[in-house]
C-alpha atoms as a PDB file:
ATOM      1  CA  VAL A   1     107.487  95.864 150.197  1.00  0.00           C
ATOM      2  CA  ILE A   2     107.950  94.083 153.521  1.00  0.00           C
ATOM      3  CA  ASP A   3     110.327  94.951 156.343  1.00  0.00           C
ATOM      4  CA  LYS A   4     111.270  91.461 157.601  1.00  0.00           C
ATOM      5  CA  PRO A   5     113.039  91.016 160.964  1.00  0.00           C
ATOM      6  CA  SER A   6     116.311  89.115 160.546  1.00  0.00           C
ATOM      7  CA  LYS A   7     115.299  86.014 162.547  1.00  0.00           C
ATOM      8  CA  LEU A   8     111.812  85.596 161.102  1.00  0.00           C
ATOM      9  CA  LEU A   9     111.631  82.718 158.614  1.00  0.00           C
ATOM     10  CA  SER A  10     110.320  83.546 155.146  1.00  0.00           C
ATOM     11  CA  ILE A  11     108.590  80.159 154.844  1.00  0.00           C
ATOM     12  CA  SER A  12     108.102  77.224 157.188  1.00  0.00           C
ATOM     13  CA  ASN A  13     110.671  74.512 157.849  1.00  0.00           C
ATOM     14  CA  GLU A  14     110.674  71.303 159.863  1.00  0.00           C
ATOM     15  CA  ASN A  15     111.118  73.187 163.154  1.00  0.00           C
ATOM     16  CA  GLU A  16     108.759  76.132 162.651  1.00  0.00           C
ATOM     17  CA  LYS A  17     105.403  75.963 160.867  1.00  0.00           C
ATOM     18  CA  GLU A  18     103.447  78.970 162.150  1.00  0.00           C
ATOM     19  CA  GLU A  19     105.725  81.931 162.928  1.00  0.00           C
ATOM     20  CA  THR A  20     106.749  82.828 159.360  1.00  0.00           C
ATOM     21  CA  LEU A  21     106.665  85.840 157.088  1.00  0.00           C
ATOM     22  CA  TYR A  22     104.452  83.910 154.652  1.00  0.00           C
ATOM     23  CA  ARG A  23     101.856  83.256 157.364  1.00  0.00           C
ATOM     24  CA  LYS A  24     101.872  86.867 158.578  1.00  0.00           C
ATOM     25  CA  VAL A  25     101.490  88.293 155.066  1.00  0.00           C
ATOM     26  CA  SER A  26      98.782  85.727 154.234  1.00  0.00           C
ATOM     27  CA  ASP A  27      96.797  86.683 157.336  1.00  0.00           C
ATOM     28  CA  TYR A  28      97.172  90.374 156.498  1.00  0.00           C
ATOM     29  CA  LEU A  29      96.018  89.964 152.903  1.00  0.00           C
ATOM     30  CA  LYS A  30      93.068  87.752 153.857  1.00  0.00           C
ATOM     31  CA  LYS A  31      91.371  90.843 155.252  1.00  0.00           C
ATOM     32  CA  GLN A  32      91.579  92.359 151.764  1.00  0.00           C
ATOM     33  CA  LYS A  33      90.464  89.064 150.160  1.00  0.00           C
ATOM     34  CA  LYS A  34      93.845  88.671 148.477  1.00  0.00           C
ATOM     35  CA  LYS A  35      96.426  85.892 148.410  1.00  0.00           C
ATOM     36  CA  VAL A  36     100.213  85.695 148.504  1.00  0.00           C
ATOM     37  CA  PHE A  37     102.228  82.984 146.728  1.00  0.00           C
ATOM     38  CA  VAL A  38     105.692  81.641 147.555  1.00  0.00           C
ATOM     39  CA  ILE A  39     108.231  81.902 144.743  1.00  0.00           C
ATOM     40  CA  HIS A  40     111.398  79.877 145.378  1.00  0.00           C
ATOM     41  CA  ARG A  41     114.620  81.877 144.943  1.00  0.00           C
ATOM     42  CA  LEU A  42     116.358  80.520 141.878  1.00  0.00           C
ATOM     43  CA  ASP A  43     119.790  81.964 142.587  1.00  0.00           C
ATOM     44  CA  TYR A  44     120.644  79.596 145.455  1.00  0.00           C
ATOM     45  CA  ASP A  45     120.292  76.175 143.944  1.00  0.00           C
ATOM     46  CA  THR A  46     119.469  76.348 140.264  1.00  0.00           C
ATOM     47  CA  SER A  47     121.306  79.314 138.733  1.00  0.00           C
ATOM     48  CA  GLY A  48     124.200  77.054 137.735  1.00  0.00           C
ATOM     49  CA  ILE A  49     121.894  74.556 136.021  1.00  0.00           C
ATOM     50  CA  ILE A  50     120.045  77.320 134.174  1.00  0.00           C
ATOM     51  CA  MET A  51     123.294  78.954 133.030  1.00  0.00           C
ATOM     52  CA  PHE A  52     124.744  75.550 132.111  1.00  0.00           C
ATOM     53  CA  ALA A  53     121.711  74.769 129.943  1.00  0.00           C
ATOM     54  CA  TYR A  54     122.016  78.135 128.204  1.00  0.00           C
ATOM     55  CA  LEU A  55     125.734  77.641 127.547  1.00  0.00           C
ATOM     56  CA  PHE A  56     125.115  74.092 126.283  1.00  0.00           C
ATOM     57  CA  LEU A  57     123.047  75.655 123.513  1.00  0.00           C
ATOM     58  CA  THR A  58     125.271  78.672 122.804  1.00  0.00           C
ATOM     59  CA  LYS A  59     128.888  77.768 123.749  1.00  0.00           C
ATOM     60  CA  ARG A  60     128.973  73.978 123.855  1.00  0.00           C
ATOM     61  CA  GLU A  61     132.556  73.550 122.563  1.00  0.00           C
ATOM     62  CA  GLU A  62     134.030  76.024 125.027  1.00  0.00           C
ATOM     63  CA  LEU A  63     131.957  74.582 127.865  1.00  0.00           C
ATOM     64  CA  PHE A  64     133.414  71.094 127.421  1.00  0.00           C
ATOM     65  CA  ALA A  65     136.884  72.338 126.473  1.00  0.00           C
ATOM     66  CA  LEU A  66     137.204  73.703 130.012  1.00  0.00           C
ATOM     67  CA  ALA A  67     135.982  70.393 131.456  1.00  0.00           C
ATOM     68  CA  ARG A  68     138.607  68.449 129.477  1.00  0.00           C
ATOM     69  CA  ASN A  69     141.458  70.546 130.890  1.00  0.00           C
ATOM     70  CA  ARG A  70     142.013  68.979 134.305  1.00  0.00           C
ATOM     71  CA  ASN A  71     143.885  71.866 135.927  1.00  0.00           C
ATOM     72  CA  ASP A  72     141.468  74.505 134.626  1.00  0.00           C
ATOM     73  CA  PHE A  73     138.468  72.407 135.637  1.00  0.00           C
ATOM     74  CA  LEU A  74     139.741  71.873 139.189  1.00  0.00           C
ATOM     75  CA  ARG A  75     140.483  75.598 139.488  1.00  0.00           C
ATOM     76  CA  THR A  76     136.961  76.373 138.306  1.00  0.00           C
ATOM     77  CA  ILE A  77     135.456  74.066 140.944  1.00  0.00           C
ATOM     78  CA  VAL A  78     137.553  75.752 143.661  1.00  0.00           C
ATOM     79  CA  CYS A  79     136.432  79.157 142.355  1.00  0.00           C
ATOM     80  CA  GLY A  80     132.794  78.091 142.532  1.00  0.00           C
ATOM     81  CA  VAL A  81     132.941  76.594 146.027  1.00  0.00           C
ATOM     82  CA  CYS A  82     135.481  78.828 147.775  1.00  0.00           C
ATOM     83  CA  GLY A  83     134.549  81.977 145.857  1.00  0.00           C
ATOM     84  CA  THR A  84     130.983  82.152 144.581  1.00  0.00           C
ATOM     85  CA  MET A  85     129.390  79.902 147.203  1.00  0.00           C
ATOM     86  CA  MET A  86     131.209  81.423 150.176  1.00  0.00           C
ATOM     87  CA  PHE A  87     130.473  84.943 148.949  1.00  0.00           C
ATOM     88  CA  GLN A  88     126.750  84.235 148.768  1.00  0.00           C
ATOM     89  CA  TYR A  89     126.680  82.361 152.083  1.00  0.00           C
ATOM     90  CA  THR A  90     128.628  84.992 154.034  1.00  0.00           C
ATOM     91  CA  PHE A  91     126.506  87.800 152.564  1.00  0.00           C
ATOM     92  CA  LEU A  92     123.298  86.128 153.739  1.00  0.00           C
ATOM     93  CA  LYS A  93     124.816  85.541 157.192  1.00  0.00           C
ATOM     94  CA  ALA A  94     125.792  89.224 157.287  1.00  0.00           C
ATOM     95  CA  VAL A  95     122.212  90.219 156.432  1.00  0.00           C
ATOM     96  CA  GLN A  96     120.884  87.820 159.068  1.00  0.00           C
ATOM     97  CA  THR A  97     123.132  89.194 161.820  1.00  0.00           C
ATOM     98  CA  SER A  98     122.851  92.881 160.860  1.00  0.00           C
ATOM     99  CA  ASN A  99     120.720  94.154 157.967  1.00  0.00           C
ATOM    100  CA  ALA A 100     120.841  94.230 154.176  1.00  0.00           C
ATOM    101  CA  GLY A 101     122.095  97.822 153.939  1.00  0.00           C
ATOM    102  CA  THR A 102     124.961  97.322 156.377  1.00  0.00           C
ATOM    103  CA  ALA A 103     125.968  94.003 154.797  1.00  0.00           C
ATOM    104  CA  THR A 104     125.998  95.559 151.333  1.00  0.00           C
ATOM    105  CA  VAL A 105     128.216  98.463 152.400  1.00  0.00           C
ATOM    106  CA  ILE A 106     130.710  96.346 154.364  1.00  0.00           C
ATOM    107  CA  GLN A 107     131.123  93.852 151.514  1.00  0.00           C
ATOM    108  CA  TYR A 108     132.622  96.639 149.421  1.00  0.00           C
ATOM    109  CA  MET A 109     135.769  96.452 151.492  1.00  0.00           C
ATOM    110  CA  ALA A 110     136.621  93.802 148.884  1.00  0.00           C
ATOM    111  CA  PRO A 111     138.192  96.283 146.399  1.00  0.00           C
ATOM    112  CA  VAL A 112     140.501  97.419 149.212  1.00  0.00           C
ATOM    113  CA  PHE A 113     141.632  93.815 149.747  1.00  0.00           C
ATOM    114  CA  ILE A 114     142.147  93.438 145.996  1.00  0.00           C
ATOM    115  CA  MET A 115     144.181  96.637 145.815  1.00  0.00           C
ATOM    116  CA  ILE A 116     146.390  95.636 148.765  1.00  0.00           C
ATOM    117  CA  TYR A 117     146.881  92.149 147.278  1.00  0.00           C
ATOM    118  CA  THR A 118     147.812  93.618 143.890  1.00  0.00           C
ATOM    119  CA  CYS A 119     150.274  96.086 145.407  1.00  0.00           C
ATOM    120  CA  VAL A 120     151.979  93.345 147.459  1.00  0.00           C
ATOM    121  CA  ARG A 121     152.113  90.950 144.502  1.00  0.00           C
ATOM    122  CA  LYS A 122     153.548  93.542 142.142  1.00  0.00           C
ATOM    123  CA  LYS A 123     155.773  95.017 144.872  1.00  0.00           C
ATOM    124  CA  LYS A 124     154.222  98.396 144.257  1.00  0.00           C
ATOM    125  CA  ILE A 125     153.509 101.150 146.781  1.00  0.00           C
ATOM    126  CA  PRO A 126     149.906 102.482 146.576  1.00  0.00           C
ATOM    127  CA  ASN A 127     149.696 105.962 145.080  1.00  0.00           C
ATOM    128  CA  GLY A 128     147.947 108.884 146.776  1.00  0.00           C
ATOM    129  CA  LYS A 129     144.507 108.137 145.346  1.00  0.00           C
ATOM    130  CA  GLU A 130     144.739 104.467 146.339  1.00  0.00           C
ATOM    131  CA  VAL A 131     145.800 105.336 149.900  1.00  0.00           C
ATOM    132  CA  MET A 132     142.893 107.773 150.126  1.00  0.00           C
ATOM    133  CA  ALA A 133     140.490 105.093 148.867  1.00  0.00           C
ATOM    134  CA  ILE A 134     141.716 102.702 151.595  1.00  0.00           C
ATOM    135  CA  ILE A 135     141.340 105.373 154.291  1.00  0.00           C
ATOM    136  CA  LEU A 136     137.814 106.269 153.136  1.00  0.00           C
ATOM    137  CA  ALA A 137     136.737 102.615 152.945  1.00  0.00           C
ATOM    138  CA  VAL A 138     138.071 101.760 156.406  1.00  0.00           C
ATOM    139  CA  GLY A 139     136.690 105.023 157.782  1.00  0.00           C
ATOM    140  CA  GLY A 140     133.283 104.225 156.344  1.00  0.00           C
ATOM    141  CA  ILE A 141     133.255 100.799 158.008  1.00  0.00           C
ATOM    142  CA  PHE A 142     134.315 102.442 161.278  1.00  0.00           C
ATOM    143  CA  LEU A 143     131.444 104.958 161.121  1.00  0.00           C
ATOM    144  CA  ILE A 144     128.897 102.275 160.233  1.00  0.00           C
ATOM    145  CA  SER A 145     130.108 100.039 163.062  1.00  0.00           C
ATOM    146  CA  THR A 146     130.497 102.654 165.821  1.00  0.00           C
ATOM    147  CA  HIS A 147     128.758 105.877 164.647  1.00  0.00           C
ATOM    148  CA  GLY A 148     132.046 107.572 165.511  1.00  0.00           C
ATOM    149  CA  ASN A 149     132.139 106.415 169.129  1.00  0.00           C
ATOM    150  CA  LEU A 150     135.097 104.118 169.902  1.00  0.00           C
ATOM    151  CA  ASN A 151     133.325 102.799 173.004  1.00  0.00           C
ATOM    152  CA  ASN A 152     130.130 101.848 171.183  1.00  0.00           C
ATOM    153  CA  LEU A 153     129.686  99.078 168.620  1.00  0.00           C
ATOM    154  CA  VAL A 154     126.391  99.816 166.858  1.00  0.00           C
ATOM    155  CA  ILE A 155     126.153  96.571 164.910  1.00  0.00           C
ATOM    156  CA  THR A 156     126.637  93.165 166.510  1.00  0.00           C
ATOM    157  CA  PRO A 157     130.137  91.651 166.487  1.00  0.00           C
ATOM    158  CA  LYS A 158     128.689  88.787 164.426  1.00  0.00           C
ATOM    159  CA  GLY A 159     127.282  91.264 161.909  1.00  0.00           C
ATOM    160  CA  LEU A 160     130.670  92.941 161.541  1.00  0.00           C
ATOM    161  CA  PHE A 161     132.457  89.591 161.302  1.00  0.00           C
ATOM    162  CA  TRP A 162     130.167  88.206 158.586  1.00  0.00           C
ATOM    163  CA  GLY A 163     130.258  91.503 156.690  1.00  0.00           C
ATOM    164  CA  LEU A 164     134.065  91.448 156.569  1.00  0.00           C
ATOM    165  CA  ALA A 165     133.992  87.717 155.783  1.00  0.00           C
ATOM    166  CA  CYS A 166     131.706  88.540 152.858  1.00  0.00           C
ATOM    167  CA  ALA A 167     134.167  91.186 151.644  1.00  0.00           C
ATOM    168  CA  PHE A 168     136.997  88.665 151.879  1.00  0.00           C
ATOM    169  CA  ALA A 169     134.948  86.054 150.012  1.00  0.00           C
ATOM    170  CA  MET A 170     134.266  88.619 147.267  1.00  0.00           C
ATOM    171  CA  PHE A 171     138.015  89.274 147.122  1.00  0.00           C
ATOM    172  CA  ILE A 172     138.722  85.531 146.819  1.00  0.00           C
ATOM    173  CA  SER A 173     136.107  85.083 144.088  1.00  0.00           C
ATOM    174  CA  SER A 174     137.737  87.941 142.161  1.00  0.00           C
ATOM    175  CA  ILE A 175     141.337  86.696 142.245  1.00  0.00           C
ATOM    176  CA  LEU A 176     140.898  82.893 142.194  1.00  0.00           C
ATOM    177  CA  PRO A 177     139.972  82.578 138.494  1.00  0.00           C
ATOM    178  CA  GLY A 178     143.339  84.078 137.517  1.00  0.00           C
ATOM    179  CA  LYS A 179     143.977  83.489 133.832  1.00  0.00           C
ATOM    180  CA  LEU A 180     140.827  81.399 133.336  1.00  0.00           C
ATOM    181  CA  TYR A 181     139.047  84.492 132.017  1.00  0.00           C
ATOM    182  CA  GLU A 182     141.780  84.906 129.429  1.00  0.00           C
ATOM    183  CA  LYS A 183     141.214  81.384 128.067  1.00  0.00           C
ATOM    184  CA  TYR A 184     137.430  81.053 128.491  1.00  0.00           C
ATOM    185  CA  SER A 185     134.460  83.390 128.513  1.00  0.00           C
ATOM    186  CA  THR A 186     133.182  84.682 131.854  1.00  0.00           C
ATOM    187  CA  GLN A 187     129.855  82.877 131.370  1.00  0.00           C
ATOM    188  CA  VAL A 188     131.510  79.484 130.937  1.00  0.00           C
ATOM    189  CA  VAL A 189     133.737  79.843 134.027  1.00  0.00           C
ATOM    190  CA  MET A 190     130.861  81.157 136.146  1.00  0.00           C
ATOM    191  CA  GLY A 191     128.447  78.559 134.761  1.00  0.00           C
ATOM    192  CA  TRP A 192     130.619  75.654 135.894  1.00  0.00           C
ATOM    193  CA  GLY A 193     131.378  77.425 139.168  1.00  0.00           C
ATOM    194  CA  PHE A 194     127.686  77.989 139.900  1.00  0.00           C
ATOM    195  CA  VAL A 195     126.905  74.323 139.210  1.00  0.00           C
ATOM    196  CA  PHE A 196     129.343  73.070 141.855  1.00  0.00           C
ATOM    197  CA  ALA A 197     128.505  75.900 144.263  1.00  0.00           C
ATOM    198  CA  GLY A 198     124.835  74.896 143.990  1.00  0.00           C
ATOM    199  CA  ILE A 199     125.622  71.207 144.531  1.00  0.00           C
ATOM    200  CA  VAL A 200     127.684  71.841 147.671  1.00  0.00           C
ATOM    201  CA  LEU A 201     125.321  74.474 149.102  1.00  0.00           C
ATOM    202  CA  SER A 202     122.249  72.328 148.440  1.00  0.00           C
ATOM    203  CA  SER A 203     123.790  69.390 150.278  1.00  0.00           C
ATOM    204  CA  PHE A 204     123.908  71.559 153.423  1.00  0.00           C
ATOM    205  CA  LEU A 205     120.692  73.588 153.035  1.00  0.00           C
ATOM    206  CA  GLN A 206     118.619  70.671 151.658  1.00  0.00           C
ATOM    207  CA  PRO A 207     116.029  72.836 149.858  1.00  0.00           C
ATOM    208  CA  TRP A 208     113.976  69.771 148.990  1.00  0.00           C
ATOM    209  CA  LYS A 209     112.772  69.668 152.606  1.00  0.00           C
ATOM    210  CA  TYR A 210     110.839  72.943 152.232  1.00  0.00           C
ATOM    211  CA  ASN A 211     107.143  72.726 151.554  1.00  0.00           C
ATOM    212  CA  VAL A 212     106.383  74.771 148.453  1.00  0.00           C
ATOM    213  CA  ALA A 213     102.953  74.535 146.859  1.00  0.00           C
ATOM    214  CA  ILE A 214     103.379  73.568 143.200  1.00  0.00           C
ATOM    215  CA  ASP A 215     100.235  75.029 141.648  1.00  0.00           C
ATOM    216  CA  MET A 216      99.520  76.968 138.469  1.00  0.00           C
ATOM    217  CA  PRO A 217     100.119  80.469 139.961  1.00  0.00           C
ATOM    218  CA  THR A 218     103.513  79.304 141.288  1.00  0.00           C
ATOM    219  CA  ILE A 219     104.466  77.643 138.008  1.00  0.00           C
ATOM    220  CA  GLY A 220     103.389  80.760 136.096  1.00  0.00           C
ATOM    221  CA  ALA A 221     105.365  83.107 138.360  1.00  0.00           C
ATOM    222  CA  VAL A 222     108.532  80.988 138.201  1.00  0.00           C
ATOM    223  CA  SER A 223     108.166  80.784 134.404  1.00  0.00           C
ATOM    224  CA  VAL A 224     108.063  84.570 134.197  1.00  0.00           C
ATOM    225  CA  ILE A 225     111.199  84.821 136.371  1.00  0.00           C
END
């Protein structure tokens, strides 16, 4: 288990080759005559392809039925890009500008947004329990951000911004699908959404530029994952 500072790269890129977590861990383990291997995170760029391949074998008719319905297909693409992709991106930015624990807690403002949206849409006043849930959620964010001192912001403004942006993105990804989940299975909607989220995100992050050693230990580890 490694406690990684937020601005330290995990692996090298075109601008930084030496000051990386991989290099530091490698140097540490060399003293014990051990090695560390880089395993590429599958969830960023390939989860959609993997899920798509699985659904092609198990739910082929439903998979292409969604694609043939123009309106549903366009809605699914919007869900993937504006919902799934933005949720993942904003969460990682929140972790980068604060820390994983803070980002995880702040993102759970999303149910509050969903509840407010639902009450406004249905023209319904929140009941006592719902009002209490909103107060507790907002109060929790206040305590995390200030430790109870109005004159002191404990986390960075960027950390707070990206945390709330992550919560909003989670809210968007929850409401955008609408009735899609009534017509298609969750896996099919998410599978298509992940594919287009991966395409758009990869075009910006360009993961093919990273130097990853493709050797037998790496292949074996990725196969296990």
